[in-house]
Amino acid sequence: MGQLTQQQMETLQAQAAAGDRAGYYSTLENSGVAYGALAGGVVREDTLSGRMANAFMAGQAAQMGVVMDRDMALNN
């Protein structure tokens, strides 16, 4: 992975400010940052690791008496 360009950083900042998590992690992934694929899978729930991470989070919340829904998971 190389360093991110100024344009990529500006894109990431705009996506973060807009709350565009899926776009943010897609930009990272497309820029060669491996973490972007991992985190994007969690946000989009389109990878096995992403679905497992979300299921683990929901399970842990349930053990503490908190019922998680998709909106709660994505907004915290």
PDB file of N, CA and C in Angstrom:
ATOM      1  N   MET A   1       0.832  -1.176   0.000  1.00  0.00           N
ATOM      2  CA  MET A   1       0.000   0.000   0.000  1.00  0.00           C
ATOM      3  C   MET A   1       0.875   1.237   0.000  1.00  0.00           C
ATOM      4  N   GLY A   2       0.582   2.134  -0.915  1.00  0.00           N
ATOM      5  CA  GLY A   2       1.268   3.412  -0.944  1.00  0.00           C
ATOM      6  C   GLY A   2       0.516   4.433  -0.115  1.00  0.00           C
ATOM      7  N   GLN A   3       1.019   5.626  -0.122  1.00  0.00           N
ATOM      8  CA  GLN A   3       0.334   6.684   0.606  1.00  0.00           C
ATOM      9  C   GLN A   3      -0.866   7.170  -0.199  1.00  0.00           C
ATOM     10  N   LEU A   4      -1.882   7.644   0.523  1.00  0.00           N
ATOM     11  CA  LEU A   4      -3.055   8.184  -0.140  1.00  0.00           C
ATOM     12  C   LEU A   4      -2.733   9.556  -0.717  1.00  0.00           C
ATOM     13  N   THR A   5      -3.326   9.846  -1.858  1.00  0.00           N
ATOM     14  CA  THR A   5      -3.125  11.144  -2.484  1.00  0.00           C
ATOM     15  C   THR A   5      -3.971  12.200  -1.770  1.00  0.00           C
ATOM     16  N   GLN A   6      -3.693  13.452  -2.053  1.00  0.00           N
ATOM     17  CA  GLN A   6      -4.481  14.536  -1.481  1.00  0.00           C
ATOM     18  C   GLN A   6      -5.940  14.421  -1.918  1.00  0.00           C
ATOM     19  N   GLN A   7      -6.171  14.079  -3.173  1.00  0.00           N
ATOM     20  CA  GLN A   7      -7.540  13.922  -3.668  1.00  0.00           C
ATOM     21  C   GLN A   7      -8.258  12.792  -2.951  1.00  0.00           C
ATOM     22  N   GLN A   8      -7.583  11.671  -2.733  1.00  0.00           N
ATOM     23  CA  GLN A   8      -8.190  10.562  -2.007  1.00  0.00           C
ATOM     24  C   GLN A   8      -8.538  10.978  -0.575  1.00  0.00           C
ATOM     25  N   MET A   9      -7.630  11.713   0.061  1.00  0.00           N
ATOM     26  CA  MET A   9      -7.888  12.194   1.423  1.00  0.00           C
ATOM     27  C   MET A   9      -9.098  13.119   1.453  1.00  0.00           C
ATOM     28  N   GLU A  10      -9.203  14.002   0.470  1.00  0.00           N
ATOM     29  CA  GLU A  10     -10.342  14.911   0.407  1.00  0.00           C
ATOM     30  C   GLU A  10     -11.648  14.149   0.193  1.00  0.00           C
ATOM     31  N   THR A  11     -11.595  13.130  -0.654  1.00  0.00           N
ATOM     32  CA  THR A  11     -12.770  12.290  -0.888  1.00  0.00           C
ATOM     33  C   THR A  11     -13.173  11.592   0.402  1.00  0.00           C
ATOM     34  N   LEU A  12     -12.197  11.038   1.105  1.00  0.00           N
ATOM     35  CA  LEU A  12     -12.477  10.361   2.371  1.00  0.00           C
ATOM     36  C   LEU A  12     -13.070  11.321   3.400  1.00  0.00           C
ATOM     37  N   GLN A  13     -12.519  12.521   3.470  1.00  0.00           N
ATOM     38  CA  GLN A  13     -13.036  13.514   4.420  1.00  0.00           C
ATOM     39  C   GLN A  13     -14.482  13.873   4.094  1.00  0.00           C
ATOM     40  N   ALA A  14     -14.790  14.042   2.823  1.00  0.00           N
ATOM     41  CA  ALA A  14     -16.160  14.374   2.420  1.00  0.00           C
ATOM     42  C   ALA A  14     -17.106  13.222   2.727  1.00  0.00           C
ATOM     43  N   GLN A  15     -16.662  11.994   2.469  1.00  0.00           N
ATOM     44  CA  GLN A  15     -17.507  10.834   2.746  1.00  0.00           C
ATOM     45  C   GLN A  15     -17.741  10.684   4.249  1.00  0.00           C
ATOM     46  N   ALA A  16     -16.709  10.908   5.040  1.00  0.00           N
ATOM     47  CA  ALA A  16     -16.859  10.824   6.497  1.00  0.00           C
ATOM     48  C   ALA A  16     -17.824  11.888   6.995  1.00  0.00           C
ATOM     49  N   ALA A  17     -17.684  13.096   6.494  1.00  0.00           N
ATOM     50  CA  ALA A  17     -18.555  14.196   6.919  1.00  0.00           C
ATOM     51  C   ALA A  17     -20.012  13.930   6.544  1.00  0.00           C
ATOM     52  N   ALA A  18     -20.221  13.242   5.430  1.00  0.00           N
ATOM     53  CA  ALA A  18     -21.573  12.932   4.957  1.00  0.00           C
ATOM     54  C   ALA A  18     -22.141  11.666   5.603  1.00  0.00           C
ATOM     55  N   GLY A  19     -21.304  10.963   6.372  1.00  0.00           N
ATOM     56  CA  GLY A  19     -21.762   9.716   6.984  1.00  0.00           C
ATOM     57  C   GLY A  19     -21.842   8.558   6.010  1.00  0.00           C
ATOM     58  N   ASP A  20     -21.114   8.670   4.904  1.00  0.00           N
ATOM     59  CA  ASP A  20     -21.122   7.637   3.859  1.00  0.00           C
ATOM     60  C   ASP A  20     -20.091   6.563   4.183  1.00  0.00           C
ATOM     61  N   ARG A  21     -20.452   5.676   5.100  1.00  0.00           N
ATOM     62  CA  ARG A  21     -19.505   4.636   5.529  1.00  0.00           C
ATOM     63  C   ARG A  21     -19.142   3.687   4.394  1.00  0.00           C
ATOM     64  N   ALA A  22     -20.144   3.251   3.643  1.00  0.00           N
ATOM     65  CA  ALA A  22     -19.877   2.308   2.556  1.00  0.00           C
ATOM     66  C   ALA A  22     -18.943   2.937   1.520  1.00  0.00           C
ATOM     67  N   GLY A  23     -19.207   4.185   1.153  1.00  0.00           N
ATOM     68  CA  GLY A  23     -18.344   4.877   0.202  1.00  0.00           C
ATOM     69  C   GLY A  23     -16.936   5.078   0.743  1.00  0.00           C
ATOM     70  N   TYR A  24     -16.846   5.428   2.024  1.00  0.00           N
ATOM     71  CA  TYR A  24     -15.554   5.655   2.674  1.00  0.00           C
ATOM     72  C   TYR A  24     -14.682   4.406   2.587  1.00  0.00           C
ATOM     73  N   TYR A  25     -15.252   3.271   2.992  1.00  0.00           N
ATOM     74  CA  TYR A  25     -14.452   2.044   2.979  1.00  0.00           C
ATOM     75  C   TYR A  25     -14.198   1.549   1.564  1.00  0.00           C
ATOM     76  N   SER A  26     -15.114   1.805   0.640  1.00  0.00           N
ATOM     77  CA  SER A  26     -14.860   1.452  -0.761  1.00  0.00           C
ATOM     78  C   SER A  26     -13.699   2.273  -1.318  1.00  0.00           C
ATOM     79  N   THR A  27     -13.660   3.555  -0.959  1.00  0.00           N
ATOM     80  CA  THR A  27     -12.542   4.396  -1.405  1.00  0.00           C
ATOM     81  C   THR A  27     -11.226   3.862  -0.857  1.00  0.00           C
ATOM     82  N   LEU A  28     -11.217   3.502   0.425  1.00  0.00           N
ATOM     83  CA  LEU A  28      -9.992   2.928   0.998  1.00  0.00           C
ATOM     84  C   LEU A  28      -9.588   1.654   0.268  1.00  0.00           C
ATOM     85  N   GLU A  29     -10.563   0.758   0.077  1.00  0.00           N
ATOM     86  CA  GLU A  29     -10.276  -0.506  -0.600  1.00  0.00           C
ATOM     87  C   GLU A  29      -9.747  -0.264  -2.012  1.00  0.00           C
ATOM     88  N   ASN A  30     -10.396   0.613  -2.755  1.00  0.00           N
ATOM     89  CA  ASN A  30      -9.966   0.907  -4.122  1.00  0.00           C
ATOM     90  C   ASN A  30      -8.635   1.630  -4.179  1.00  0.00           C
ATOM     91  N   SER A  31      -8.208   2.181  -3.043  1.00  0.00           N
ATOM     92  CA  SER A  31      -6.918   2.867  -2.962  1.00  0.00           C
ATOM     93  C   SER A  31      -5.813   1.927  -2.489  1.00  0.00           C
ATOM     94  N   GLY A  32      -6.148   0.647  -2.313  1.00  0.00           N
ATOM     95  CA  GLY A  32      -5.154  -0.333  -1.919  1.00  0.00           C
ATOM     96  C   GLY A  32      -4.998  -0.516  -0.422  1.00  0.00           C
ATOM     97  N   VAL A  33      -5.915   0.024   0.354  1.00  0.00           N
ATOM     98  CA  VAL A  33      -5.865  -0.133   1.809  1.00  0.00           C
ATOM     99  C   VAL A  33      -6.713  -1.354   2.165  1.00  0.00           C
ATOM    100  N   ALA A  34      -6.069  -2.423   2.615  1.00  0.00           N
ATOM    101  CA  ALA A  34      -6.756  -3.688   2.867  1.00  0.00           C
ATOM    102  C   ALA A  34      -7.860  -3.547   3.910  1.00  0.00           C
ATOM    103  N   TYR A  35      -7.671  -2.692   4.888  1.00  0.00           N
ATOM    104  CA  TYR A  35      -8.686  -2.504   5.917  1.00  0.00           C
ATOM    105  C   TYR A  35     -10.013  -2.054   5.311  1.00  0.00           C
ATOM    106  N   GLY A  36      -9.969  -1.366   4.195  1.00  0.00           N
ATOM    107  CA  GLY A  36     -11.190  -0.910   3.547  1.00  0.00           C
ATOM    108  C   GLY A  36     -12.108  -2.067   3.181  1.00  0.00           C
ATOM    109  N   ALA A  37     -11.534  -3.159   2.711  1.00  0.00           N
ATOM    110  CA  ALA A  37     -12.336  -4.334   2.342  1.00  0.00           C
ATOM    111  C   ALA A  37     -12.944  -4.980   3.579  1.00  0.00           C
ATOM    112  N   LEU A  38     -12.165  -5.090   4.636  1.00  0.00           N
ATOM    113  CA  LEU A  38     -12.657  -5.709   5.869  1.00  0.00           C
ATOM    114  C   LEU A  38     -13.782  -4.884   6.481  1.00  0.00           C
ATOM    115  N   ALA A  39     -13.544  -3.599   6.682  1.00  0.00           N
ATOM    116  CA  ALA A  39     -14.541  -2.730   7.298  1.00  0.00           C
ATOM    117  C   ALA A  39     -15.753  -2.550   6.387  1.00  0.00           C
ATOM    118  N   GLY A  40     -15.522  -2.474   5.092  1.00  0.00           N
ATOM    119  CA  GLY A  40     -16.630  -2.341   4.150  1.00  0.00           C
ATOM    120  C   GLY A  40     -17.556  -3.538   4.204  1.00  0.00           C
ATOM    121  N   GLY A  41     -16.994  -4.719   4.376  1.00  0.00           N
ATOM    122  CA  GLY A  41     -17.806  -5.927   4.497  1.00  0.00           C
ATOM    123  C   GLY A  41     -18.711  -5.886   5.716  1.00  0.00           C
ATOM    124  N   VAL A  42     -18.238  -5.261   6.785  1.00  0.00           N
ATOM    125  CA  VAL A  42     -19.057  -5.110   7.987  1.00  0.00           C
ATOM    126  C   VAL A  42     -20.197  -4.133   7.718  1.00  0.00           C
ATOM    127  N   VAL A  43     -19.876  -3.001   7.112  1.00  0.00           N
ATOM    128  CA  VAL A  43     -20.882  -1.973   6.852  1.00  0.00           C
ATOM    129  C   VAL A  43     -21.930  -2.466   5.850  1.00  0.00           C
ATOM    130  N   ARG A  44     -21.466  -3.093   4.776  1.00  0.00           N
ATOM    131  CA  ARG A  44     -22.388  -3.547   3.729  1.00  0.00           C
ATOM    132  C   ARG A  44     -23.006  -4.910   4.025  1.00  0.00           C
ATOM    133  N   GLU A  45     -22.413  -5.637   4.966  1.00  0.00           N
ATOM    134  CA  GLU A  45     -22.822  -7.004   5.289  1.00  0.00           C
ATOM    135  C   GLU A  45     -22.815  -7.893   4.053  1.00  0.00           C
ATOM    136  N   ASP A  46     -21.796  -7.738   3.230  1.00  0.00           N
ATOM    137  CA  ASP A  46     -21.736  -8.511   1.993  1.00  0.00           C
ATOM    138  C   ASP A  46     -20.553  -9.471   1.936  1.00  0.00           C
ATOM    139  N   THR A  47     -19.905  -9.680   3.083  1.00  0.00           N
ATOM    140  CA  THR A  47     -18.827 -10.660   3.156  1.00  0.00           C
ATOM    141  C   THR A  47     -19.083 -11.554   4.366  1.00  0.00           C
ATOM    142  N   LEU A  48     -18.510 -12.723   4.345  1.00  0.00           N
ATOM    143  CA  LEU A  48     -18.662 -13.629   5.479  1.00  0.00           C
ATOM    144  C   LEU A  48     -18.113 -12.984   6.751  1.00  0.00           C
ATOM    145  N   SER A  49     -16.933 -12.380   6.659  1.00  0.00           N
ATOM    146  CA  SER A  49     -16.346 -11.762   7.853  1.00  0.00           C
ATOM    147  C   SER A  49     -17.209 -10.602   8.352  1.00  0.00           C
ATOM    148  N   GLY A  50     -17.813  -9.855   7.458  1.00  0.00           N
ATOM    149  CA  GLY A  50     -18.685  -8.759   7.855  1.00  0.00           C
ATOM    150  C   GLY A  50     -19.932  -9.250   8.558  1.00  0.00           C
ATOM    151  N   ARG A  51     -20.535 -10.294   8.002  1.00  0.00           N
ATOM    152  CA  ARG A  51     -21.736 -10.854   8.637  1.00  0.00           C
ATOM    153  C   ARG A  51     -21.401 -11.467   9.990  1.00  0.00           C
ATOM    154  N   MET A  52     -20.250 -12.124  10.075  1.00  0.00           N
ATOM    155  CA  MET A  52     -19.841 -12.721  11.355  1.00  0.00           C
ATOM    156  C   MET A  52     -19.572 -11.640  12.397  1.00  0.00           C
ATOM    157  N   ALA A  53     -18.930 -10.559  12.002  1.00  0.00           N
ATOM    158  CA  ALA A  53     -18.655  -9.469  12.944  1.00  0.00           C
ATOM    159  C   ALA A  53     -19.952  -8.863  13.461  1.00  0.00           C
ATOM    160  N   ASN A  54     -20.911  -8.654  12.580  1.00  0.00           N
ATOM    161  CA  ASN A  54     -22.193  -8.087  13.001  1.00  0.00           C
ATOM    162  C   ASN A  54     -22.972  -9.057  13.888  1.00  0.00           C
ATOM    163  N   ALA A  55     -22.910 -10.343  13.581  1.00  0.00           N
ATOM    164  CA  ALA A  55     -23.585 -11.342  14.407  1.00  0.00           C
ATOM    165  C   ALA A  55     -22.944 -11.396  15.796  1.00  0.00           C
ATOM    166  N   PHE A  56     -21.623 -11.307  15.844  1.00  0.00           N
ATOM    167  CA  PHE A  56     -20.923 -11.297  17.135  1.00  0.00           C
ATOM    168  C   PHE A  56     -21.341 -10.076  17.944  1.00  0.00           C
ATOM    169  N   MET A  57     -21.386  -8.913  17.301  1.00  0.00           N
ATOM    170  CA  MET A  57     -21.783  -7.692  17.999  1.00  0.00           C
ATOM    171  C   MET A  57     -23.205  -7.835  18.542  1.00  0.00           C
ATOM    172  N   ALA A  58     -24.113  -8.343  17.737  1.00  0.00           N
ATOM    173  CA  ALA A  58     -25.499  -8.511  18.180  1.00  0.00           C
ATOM    174  C   ALA A  58     -25.578  -9.502  19.341  1.00  0.00           C
ATOM    175  N   GLY A  59     -24.797 -10.568  19.265  1.00  0.00           N
ATOM    176  CA  GLY A  59     -24.775 -11.557  20.342  1.00  0.00           C
ATOM    177  C   GLY A  59     -24.257 -10.960  21.644  1.00  0.00           C
ATOM    178  N   GLN A  60     -23.201 -10.180  21.549  1.00  0.00           N
ATOM    179  CA  GLN A  60     -22.653  -9.535  22.745  1.00  0.00           C
ATOM    180  C   GLN A  60     -23.647  -8.541  23.326  1.00  0.00           C
ATOM    181  N   ALA A  61     -24.315  -7.791  22.461  1.00  0.00           N
ATOM    182  CA  ALA A  61     -25.325  -6.835  22.928  1.00  0.00           C
ATOM    183  C   ALA A  61     -26.465  -7.575  23.620  1.00  0.00           C
ATOM    184  N   ALA A  62     -26.905  -8.688  23.033  1.00  0.00           N
ATOM    185  CA  ALA A  62     -27.997  -9.464  23.619  1.00  0.00           C
ATOM    186  C   ALA A  62     -27.637  -9.970  25.011  1.00  0.00           C
ATOM    187  N   GLN A  63     -26.386 -10.367  25.194  1.00  0.00           N
ATOM    188  CA  GLN A  63     -25.945 -10.822  26.519  1.00  0.00           C
ATOM    189  C   GLN A  63     -26.033  -9.699  27.548  1.00  0.00           C
ATOM    190  N   MET A  64     -25.983  -8.461  27.085  1.00  0.00           N
ATOM    191  CA  MET A  64     -26.090  -7.312  27.981  1.00  0.00           C
ATOM    192  C   MET A  64     -27.508  -6.750  28.010  1.00  0.00           C
ATOM    193  N   GLY A  65     -28.443  -7.451  27.381  1.00  0.00           N
ATOM    194  CA  GLY A  65     -29.826  -7.035  27.404  1.00  0.00           C
ATOM    195  C   GLY A  65     -30.190  -5.965  26.387  1.00  0.00           C
ATOM    196  N   VAL A  66     -29.336  -5.761  25.394  1.00  0.00           N
ATOM    197  CA  VAL A  66     -29.591  -4.760  24.357  1.00  0.00           C
ATOM    198  C   VAL A  66     -29.947  -5.480  23.067  1.00  0.00           C
ATOM    199  N   VAL A  67     -31.067  -5.122  22.484  1.00  0.00           N
ATOM    200  CA  VAL A  67     -31.477  -5.705  21.208  1.00  0.00           C
ATOM    201  C   VAL A  67     -30.987  -4.778  20.102  1.00  0.00           C
ATOM    202  N   MET A  68     -30.129  -5.306  19.252  1.00  0.00           N
ATOM    203  CA  MET A  68     -29.563  -4.517  18.156  1.00  0.00           C
ATOM    204  C   MET A  68     -30.407  -4.691  16.907  1.00  0.00           C
ATOM    205  N   ASP A  69     -30.644  -3.602  16.211  1.00  0.00           N
ATOM    206  CA  ASP A  69     -31.197  -3.685  14.871  1.00  0.00           C
ATOM    207  C   ASP A  69     -30.181  -3.073  13.914  1.00  0.00           C
ATOM    208  N   ARG A  70     -30.430  -3.202  12.627  1.00  0.00           N
ATOM    209  CA  ARG A  70     -29.450  -2.746  11.637  1.00  0.00           C
ATOM    210  C   ARG A  70     -29.159  -1.244  11.769  1.00  0.00           C
ATOM    211  N   ASP A  71     -30.196  -0.447  11.977  1.00  0.00           N
ATOM    212  CA  ASP A  71     -29.972   0.992  12.108  1.00  0.00           C
ATOM    213  C   ASP A  71     -29.124   1.332  13.322  1.00  0.00           C
ATOM    214  N   MET A  72     -29.374   0.654  14.426  1.00  0.00           N
ATOM    215  CA  MET A  72     -28.592   0.897  15.634  1.00  0.00           C
ATOM    216  C   MET A  72     -27.127   0.518  15.396  1.00  0.00           C
ATOM    217  N   ALA A  73     -26.919  -0.592  14.728  1.00  0.00           N
ATOM    218  CA  ALA A  73     -25.553  -1.060  14.488  1.00  0.00           C
ATOM    219  C   ALA A  73     -24.784  -0.085  13.607  1.00  0.00           C
ATOM    220  N   LEU A  74     -25.441   0.463  12.605  1.00  0.00           N
ATOM    221  CA  LEU A  74     -24.759   1.338  11.670  1.00  0.00           C
ATOM    222  C   LEU A  74     -24.595   2.768  12.184  1.00  0.00           C
ATOM    223  N   ASN A  75     -25.341   3.146  13.208  1.00  0.00           N
ATOM    224  CA  ASN A  75     -25.271   4.502  13.705  1.00  0.00           C
ATOM    225  C   ASN A  75     -24.499   4.644  15.006  1.00  0.00           C
ATOM    226  N   ASN A  76     -23.854   3.594  15.457  1.00  0.00           N
ATOM    227  CA  ASN A  76     -23.075   3.664  16.692  1.00  0.00           C
ATOM    228  C   ASN A  76     -21.654   3.235  16.464  1.00  0.00           C
TER     229      ASN A  76
END
